[in-house]
C-alpha atoms as a PDB file:
ATOM      1  CA  UNK A   1      77.518 -18.043 -16.932  1.00  0.00           C
ATOM      2  CA  UNK A   2      75.743 -21.410 -17.589  1.00  0.00           C
ATOM      3  CA  UNK A   3      74.944 -23.000 -20.938  1.00  0.00           C
ATOM      4  CA  UNK A   4      71.305 -23.347 -21.942  1.00  0.00           C
ATOM      5  CA  UNK A   5      70.411 -26.848 -22.314  1.00  0.00           C
ATOM      6  CA  UNK A   6      70.358 -28.263 -25.880  1.00  0.00           C
ATOM      7  CA  UNK A   7      69.320 -31.632 -27.464  1.00  0.00           C
ATOM      8  CA  UNK A   8      73.015 -32.659 -26.828  1.00  0.00           C
ATOM      9  CA  UNK A   9      73.556 -30.910 -23.625  1.00  0.00           C
ATOM     10  CA  UNK A  10      70.529 -31.625 -21.516  1.00  0.00           C
ATOM     11  CA  UNK A  11      70.631 -30.813 -17.700  1.00  0.00           C
ATOM     12  CA  UNK A  12      70.212 -34.191 -16.143  1.00  0.00           C
ATOM     13  CA  UNK A  13      70.166 -33.041 -12.505  1.00  0.00           C
ATOM     14  CA  UNK A  14      68.255 -30.516 -10.646  1.00  0.00           C
ATOM     15  CA  UNK A  15      71.306 -29.786  -8.415  1.00  0.00           C
ATOM     16  CA  UNK A  16      72.894 -27.703 -11.355  1.00  0.00           C
ATOM     17  CA  UNK A  17      69.954 -25.226 -11.062  1.00  0.00           C
ATOM     18  CA  UNK A  18      70.292 -22.278  -9.055  1.00  0.00           C
ATOM     19  CA  UNK A  19      67.528 -21.975  -6.196  1.00  0.00           C
ATOM     20  CA  UNK A  20      66.390 -18.655  -7.672  1.00  0.00           C
ATOM     21  CA  UNK A  21      66.024 -20.335 -11.197  1.00  0.00           C
ATOM     22  CA  UNK A  22      64.127 -23.155  -9.633  1.00  0.00           C
ATOM     23  CA  UNK A  23      61.802 -20.951  -7.717  1.00  0.00           C
ATOM     24  CA  UNK A  24      61.220 -18.889 -10.827  1.00  0.00           C
ATOM     25  CA  UNK A  25      60.474 -21.899 -12.868  1.00  0.00           C
ATOM     26  CA  UNK A  26      58.023 -23.158 -10.392  1.00  0.00           C
ATOM     27  CA  UNK A  27      56.205 -19.945 -10.153  1.00  0.00           C
ATOM     28  CA  UNK A  28      55.964 -19.714 -14.002  1.00  0.00           C
ATOM     29  CA  UNK A  29      54.553 -23.252 -14.088  1.00  0.00           C
ATOM     30  CA  UNK A  30      52.031 -22.479 -11.378  1.00  0.00           C
ATOM     31  CA  UNK A  31      51.119 -19.464 -13.172  1.00  0.00           C
ATOM     32  CA  UNK A  32      50.332 -21.369 -16.504  1.00  0.00           C
ATOM     33  CA  UNK A  33      48.113 -23.961 -14.486  1.00  0.00           C
ATOM     34  CA  UNK A  34      46.085 -21.165 -13.030  1.00  0.00           C
ATOM     35  CA  UNK A  35      42.487 -21.494 -14.572  1.00  0.00           C
ATOM     36  CA  UNK A  36      41.614 -17.760 -14.049  1.00  0.00           C
ATOM     37  CA  UNK A  37      41.477 -15.722 -17.169  1.00  0.00           C
ATOM     38  CA  UNK A  38      39.791 -12.540 -18.369  1.00  0.00           C
ATOM     39  CA  UNK A  39      37.354 -11.967 -21.281  1.00  0.00           C
ATOM     40  CA  UNK A  40      36.004  -8.890 -22.948  1.00  0.00           C
ATOM     41  CA  UNK A  41      32.266  -8.375 -23.282  1.00  0.00           C
ATOM     42  CA  UNK A  42      29.647  -5.766 -24.494  1.00  0.00           C
ATOM     43  CA  UNK A  43      26.448  -5.369 -22.339  1.00  0.00           C
ATOM     44  CA  UNK A  44      24.186  -4.558 -25.199  1.00  0.00           C
ATOM     45  CA  UNK A  45      21.176  -3.843 -23.302  1.00  0.00           C
ATOM     46  CA  UNK A  46      22.771  -2.630 -19.855  1.00  0.00           C
ATOM     47  CA  UNK A  47      20.696  -5.004 -17.696  1.00  0.00           C
ATOM     48  CA  UNK A  48      23.060  -8.160 -18.345  1.00  0.00           C
ATOM     49  CA  UNK A  49      20.630  -9.870 -20.243  1.00  0.00           C
ATOM     50  CA  UNK A  50      22.301  -9.904 -23.637  1.00  0.00           C
ATOM     51  CA  UNK A  51      26.093  -9.948 -23.926  1.00  0.00           C
ATOM     52  CA  UNK A  52      28.476 -10.165 -26.824  1.00  0.00           C
ATOM     53  CA  UNK A  53      32.079 -11.604 -26.271  1.00  0.00           C
ATOM     54  CA  UNK A  54      34.871 -10.074 -28.102  1.00  0.00           C
ATOM     55  CA  UNK A  55      37.284 -11.991 -30.476  1.00  0.00           C
ATOM     56  CA  UNK A  56      40.180  -9.907 -30.764  1.00  0.00           C
ATOM     57  CA  UNK A  57      41.908 -11.991 -33.370  1.00  0.00           C
ATOM     58  CA  UNK A  58      38.879 -11.620 -35.926  1.00  0.00           C
ATOM     59  CA  UNK A  59      37.730  -8.236 -34.551  1.00  0.00           C
ATOM     60  CA  UNK A  60      34.249  -9.650 -34.159  1.00  0.00           C
ATOM     61  CA  UNK A  61      31.710 -10.543 -31.404  1.00  0.00           C
ATOM     62  CA  UNK A  62      30.398 -13.746 -30.640  1.00  0.00           C
ATOM     63  CA  UNK A  63      27.297 -14.891 -28.912  1.00  0.00           C
ATOM     64  CA  UNK A  64      29.110 -17.354 -26.778  1.00  0.00           C
ATOM     65  CA  UNK A  65      31.664 -17.061 -24.110  1.00  0.00           C
ATOM     66  CA  UNK A  66      33.651 -19.887 -25.988  1.00  0.00           C
ATOM     67  CA  UNK A  67      34.286 -17.386 -28.820  1.00  0.00           C
ATOM     68  CA  UNK A  68      35.834 -14.768 -26.684  1.00  0.00           C
ATOM     69  CA  UNK A  69      39.679 -14.373 -26.532  1.00  0.00           C
ATOM     70  CA  UNK A  70      41.225 -15.284 -23.270  1.00  0.00           C
ATOM     71  CA  UNK A  71      43.607 -12.881 -21.374  1.00  0.00           C
ATOM     72  CA  UNK A  72      45.884 -14.030 -18.745  1.00  0.00           C
ATOM     73  CA  UNK A  73      46.202 -10.578 -17.126  1.00  0.00           C
ATOM     74  CA  UNK A  74      43.745  -8.072 -16.279  1.00  0.00           C
ATOM     75  CA  UNK A  75      45.368  -4.892 -17.088  1.00  0.00           C
ATOM     76  CA  UNK A  76      45.996  -6.233 -20.401  1.00  0.00           C
ATOM     77  CA  UNK A  77      42.331  -6.953 -20.778  1.00  0.00           C
ATOM     78  CA  UNK A  78      41.348  -3.800 -19.411  1.00  0.00           C
ATOM     79  CA  UNK A  79      43.602  -2.017 -21.837  1.00  0.00           C
ATOM     80  CA  UNK A  80      42.299  -3.633 -24.925  1.00  0.00           C
ATOM     81  CA  UNK A  81      38.817  -3.075 -23.761  1.00  0.00           C
ATOM     82  CA  UNK A  82      39.451   0.622 -23.442  1.00  0.00           C
ATOM     83  CA  UNK A  83      41.159   0.851 -26.799  1.00  0.00           C
ATOM     84  CA  UNK A  84      38.064  -0.896 -28.378  1.00  0.00           C
ATOM     85  CA  UNK A  85      35.677   1.278 -26.572  1.00  0.00           C
ATOM     86  CA  UNK A  86      36.682   4.508 -28.090  1.00  0.00           C
ATOM     87  CA  UNK A  87      33.749   6.197 -30.012  1.00  0.00           C
ATOM     88  CA  UNK A  88      31.392   3.324 -28.921  1.00  0.00           C
ATOM     89  CA  UNK A  89      27.977   4.135 -26.998  1.00  0.00           C
ATOM     90  CA  UNK A  90      28.473   1.300 -24.719  1.00  0.00           C
ATOM     91  CA  UNK A  91      31.909   0.717 -23.069  1.00  0.00           C
ATOM     92  CA  UNK A  92      33.485  -2.785 -23.060  1.00  0.00           C
ATOM     93  CA  UNK A  93      33.792  -4.425 -19.849  1.00  0.00           C
ATOM     94  CA  UNK A  94      36.067  -7.252 -18.544  1.00  0.00           C
ATOM     95  CA  UNK A  95      34.899 -10.482 -16.799  1.00  0.00           C
ATOM     96  CA  UNK A  96      36.867 -12.778 -14.785  1.00  0.00           C
ATOM     97  CA  UNK A  97      36.323 -16.456 -15.757  1.00  0.00           C
ATOM     98  CA  UNK A  98      37.674 -19.756 -14.930  1.00  0.00           C
ATOM     99  CA  UNK A  99      38.585 -22.436 -17.471  1.00  0.00           C
ATOM    100  CA  UNK A 100      38.559 -25.531 -15.261  1.00  0.00           C
ATOM    101  CA  UNK A 101      37.989 -28.854 -17.062  1.00  0.00           C
ATOM    102  CA  UNK A 102      37.937 -27.139 -20.653  1.00  0.00           C
ATOM    103  CA  UNK A 103      34.754 -25.127 -19.841  1.00  0.00           C
ATOM    104  CA  UNK A 104      34.516 -21.432 -19.338  1.00  0.00           C
ATOM    105  CA  UNK A 105      32.469 -20.118 -16.405  1.00  0.00           C
ATOM    106  CA  UNK A 106      32.251 -16.615 -15.316  1.00  0.00           C
ATOM    107  CA  UNK A 107      33.403 -15.900 -11.809  1.00  0.00           C
ATOM    108  CA  UNK A 108      32.685 -12.127 -11.761  1.00  0.00           C
ATOM    109  CA  UNK A 109      31.367  -9.496 -14.054  1.00  0.00           C
ATOM    110  CA  UNK A 110      32.903  -5.974 -13.921  1.00  0.00           C
END
C-alpha cells in the first residue's frame, strides 16, 4: 500500500503513480472542468414565460438563474426537485445549463 503524499513526503515523479490511479485522476479533473450543470426551476405560468429558480441553501426562489443552486449530476437535481415538489400545485423541473466564462446559459429545459 502506497503512502499518501504529505507536505514532507510529496510524490515528485508521475512514474510512482499506477496507471489506474492516473487514469482516474484525469477523469475526475475532466469531470470538474465540464461546464454542464443542472438547476431546478418552477414554471409559474405553465407557458415558460415566468420562471423562478430554486436556491436550495436558503430554501427560497430567485428571479435570476444566477441565484439557482448548481447540481453536477442530473439524478441528484431530479431527486431534490421531486422532494421539494410534494404538495405543490406545479411540480419543479430541472434545466440543463452551461457555466462557460462564468455566465449561466440554459441549454435545455425539461
